[in-house]
Amino acid sequence: MADIEASVRDLVNRDRDCTEKALAQMDLRQKINLLIGEWKAAGGGDVLPDVRDRVRLRR
C-alpha cells in the first residue's frame, strides 16, 4: 500500500492523472477496513500498530 501511496504522490507532484492509482489505493483501504472488521468480530481486541509504530520498529 505504501508503494501505491508513493506512486499517487509522485503523479500528483508531476501534475499527471492519478485516477487509476488512487482508485487502487482506496480499494486497498476498503479491503483493510473489511479485514479489521472481521478480525474484531472474531474477538480481536489488540491495539493495531499504526505508521509511527512501524517506523519505530525499523530503527
N, C-alpha and C. Protein backbone atom coordinates (compact mmCIF):
# COMPACT_ATOMS: atom_id res chain seq x y z
N MET A 1 0.82 -1.18 0.00
CA MET A 1 0.00 0.00 0.00
C MET A 1 0.87 1.26 0.00
N ALA A 2 1.98 1.20 0.69
CA ALA A 2 2.88 2.36 0.72
C ALA A 2 3.40 2.67 -0.68
N ASP A 3 3.61 1.63 -1.48
CA ASP A 3 4.08 1.84 -2.85
C ASP A 3 3.05 2.59 -3.68
N ILE A 4 1.79 2.22 -3.50
CA ILE A 4 0.72 2.90 -4.25
C ILE A 4 0.59 4.34 -3.80
N GLU A 5 0.68 4.58 -2.48
CA GLU A 5 0.59 5.95 -1.97
C GLU A 5 1.72 6.81 -2.53
N ALA A 6 2.92 6.25 -2.57
CA ALA A 6 4.06 6.98 -3.13
C ALA A 6 3.85 7.27 -4.61
N SER A 7 3.29 6.30 -5.31
CA SER A 7 3.03 6.48 -6.73
C SER A 7 2.00 7.59 -6.97
N VAL A 8 0.95 7.62 -6.16
CA VAL A 8 -0.07 8.68 -6.29
C VAL A 8 0.57 10.03 -6.01
N ARG A 9 1.36 10.12 -4.94
CA ARG A 9 2.03 11.37 -4.61
C ARG A 9 2.93 11.84 -5.75
N ASP A 10 3.68 10.90 -6.33
CA ASP A 10 4.57 11.23 -7.44
C ASP A 10 3.78 11.75 -8.64
N LEU A 11 2.68 11.07 -8.97
CA LEU A 11 1.86 11.51 -10.10
C LEU A 11 1.26 12.88 -9.86
N VAL A 12 0.79 13.13 -8.65
CA VAL A 12 0.21 14.44 -8.32
C VAL A 12 1.28 15.52 -8.42
N ASN A 13 2.46 15.23 -7.87
CA ASN A 13 3.54 16.22 -7.89
C ASN A 13 3.98 16.56 -9.31
N ARG A 14 3.84 15.60 -10.22
CA ARG A 14 4.21 15.84 -11.62
C ARG A 14 3.02 16.29 -12.45
N ASP A 15 1.89 16.58 -11.77
CA ASP A 15 0.66 17.05 -12.42
C ASP A 15 0.17 16.07 -13.48
N ARG A 16 0.18 14.76 -13.11
CA ARG A 16 -0.28 13.70 -14.00
C ARG A 16 -1.58 13.12 -13.47
N ASP A 17 -2.28 12.39 -14.30
CA ASP A 17 -3.53 11.73 -13.90
C ASP A 17 -3.23 10.56 -12.96
N CYS A 18 -3.79 10.62 -11.76
CA CYS A 18 -3.54 9.56 -10.77
C CYS A 18 -4.80 8.77 -10.46
N THR A 19 -5.82 8.88 -11.30
CA THR A 19 -7.11 8.26 -11.04
C THR A 19 -6.98 6.76 -10.79
N GLU A 20 -6.29 6.07 -11.67
CA GLU A 20 -6.19 4.61 -11.56
C GLU A 20 -5.50 4.20 -10.26
N LYS A 21 -4.38 4.84 -9.96
CA LYS A 21 -3.64 4.52 -8.73
C LYS A 21 -4.42 4.91 -7.49
N ALA A 22 -5.11 6.05 -7.54
CA ALA A 22 -5.90 6.49 -6.38
C ALA A 22 -7.06 5.54 -6.12
N LEU A 23 -7.70 5.06 -7.18
CA LEU A 23 -8.78 4.08 -7.01
C LEU A 23 -8.25 2.77 -6.43
N ALA A 24 -7.06 2.37 -6.87
CA ALA A 24 -6.45 1.15 -6.32
C ALA A 24 -6.14 1.35 -4.83
N GLN A 25 -5.67 2.53 -4.48
CA GLN A 25 -5.37 2.84 -3.08
C GLN A 25 -6.65 2.79 -2.23
N MET A 26 -7.72 3.38 -2.73
CA MET A 26 -8.99 3.35 -1.99
C MET A 26 -9.51 1.92 -1.86
N ASP A 27 -9.32 1.10 -2.90
CA ASP A 27 -9.74 -0.30 -2.84
C ASP A 27 -8.96 -1.05 -1.76
N LEU A 28 -7.65 -0.81 -1.68
CA LEU A 28 -6.85 -1.46 -0.64
C LEU A 28 -7.29 -1.03 0.75
N ARG A 29 -7.58 0.25 0.93
CA ARG A 29 -8.04 0.74 2.23
C ARG A 29 -9.37 0.09 2.61
N GLN A 30 -10.24 -0.07 1.63
CA GLN A 30 -11.52 -0.71 1.89
C GLN A 30 -11.32 -2.17 2.31
N LYS A 31 -10.40 -2.87 1.65
CA LYS A 31 -10.11 -4.26 1.99
C LYS A 31 -9.52 -4.35 3.40
N ILE A 32 -8.63 -3.44 3.74
CA ILE A 32 -8.04 -3.43 5.07
C ILE A 32 -9.11 -3.19 6.13
N ASN A 33 -10.01 -2.25 5.87
CA ASN A 33 -11.10 -2.00 6.82
C ASN A 33 -11.99 -3.22 6.99
N LEU A 34 -12.25 -3.93 5.91
CA LEU A 34 -13.04 -5.16 5.98
C LEU A 34 -12.32 -6.21 6.81
N LEU A 35 -11.03 -6.39 6.57
CA LEU A 35 -10.25 -7.36 7.34
C LEU A 35 -10.21 -7.01 8.83
N ILE A 36 -10.07 -5.74 9.15
CA ILE A 36 -10.07 -5.31 10.55
C ILE A 36 -11.42 -5.59 11.18
N GLY A 37 -12.50 -5.33 10.43
CA GLY A 37 -13.84 -5.61 10.94
C GLY A 37 -14.04 -7.09 11.21
N GLU A 38 -13.56 -7.94 10.31
CA GLU A 38 -13.66 -9.39 10.51
C GLU A 38 -12.83 -9.83 11.70
N TRP A 39 -11.66 -9.24 11.86
CA TRP A 39 -10.78 -9.57 12.97
C TRP A 39 -11.43 -9.21 14.30
N LYS A 40 -12.03 -8.01 14.35
CA LYS A 40 -12.71 -7.58 15.57
C LYS A 40 -13.92 -8.46 15.87
N ALA A 41 -14.66 -8.84 14.83
CA ALA A 41 -15.83 -9.70 15.02
C ALA A 41 -15.42 -11.09 15.53
N ALA A 42 -14.20 -11.50 15.20
CA ALA A 42 -13.71 -12.80 15.65
C ALA A 42 -13.09 -12.73 17.05
N GLY A 43 -13.17 -11.57 17.67
CA GLY A 43 -12.67 -11.43 19.03
C GLY A 43 -11.37 -10.69 19.16
N GLY A 44 -10.86 -10.17 18.06
CA GLY A 44 -9.61 -9.41 18.12
C GLY A 44 -9.82 -8.11 18.86
N GLY A 45 -8.95 -7.83 19.80
CA GLY A 45 -9.10 -6.60 20.56
C GLY A 45 -7.79 -5.90 20.83
N ASP A 46 -6.70 -6.43 20.30
CA ASP A 46 -5.40 -5.80 20.49
C ASP A 46 -5.37 -4.46 19.76
N VAL A 47 -4.51 -3.58 20.23
CA VAL A 47 -4.31 -2.31 19.55
C VAL A 47 -3.42 -2.59 18.34
N LEU A 48 -3.90 -2.23 17.16
CA LEU A 48 -3.14 -2.46 15.94
C LEU A 48 -2.09 -1.38 15.77
N PRO A 49 -0.91 -1.74 15.23
CA PRO A 49 0.14 -0.73 15.05
C PRO A 49 -0.25 0.27 13.97
N ASP A 50 0.20 1.49 14.16
CA ASP A 50 0.00 2.50 13.12
C ASP A 50 1.35 2.79 12.47
N VAL A 51 1.39 3.76 11.60
CA VAL A 51 2.60 4.05 10.84
C VAL A 51 3.75 4.40 11.77
N ARG A 52 3.47 5.20 12.80
CA ARG A 52 4.54 5.60 13.73
C ARG A 52 5.16 4.39 14.41
N ASP A 53 4.33 3.42 14.78
CA ASP A 53 4.84 2.19 15.40
C ASP A 53 5.73 1.43 14.43
N ARG A 54 5.31 1.34 13.18
CA ARG A 54 6.08 0.61 12.18
C ARG A 54 7.44 1.28 11.94
N VAL A 55 7.46 2.61 11.92
CA VAL A 55 8.71 3.32 11.69
C VAL A 55 9.66 3.09 12.87
N ARG A 56 9.11 3.10 14.09
CA ARG A 56 9.94 2.85 15.27
C ARG A 56 10.54 1.45 15.23
N LEU A 57 9.80 0.47 14.71
CA LEU A 57 10.29 -0.90 14.66
C LEU A 57 11.45 -1.05 13.67
N ARG A 58 11.50 -0.21 12.65
CA ARG A 58 12.55 -0.29 11.64
C ARG A 58 13.90 0.18 12.16
N ARG A 59 13.88 1.06 13.15
CA ARG A 59 15.14 1.65 13.65
C ARG A 59 15.89 0.67 14.50
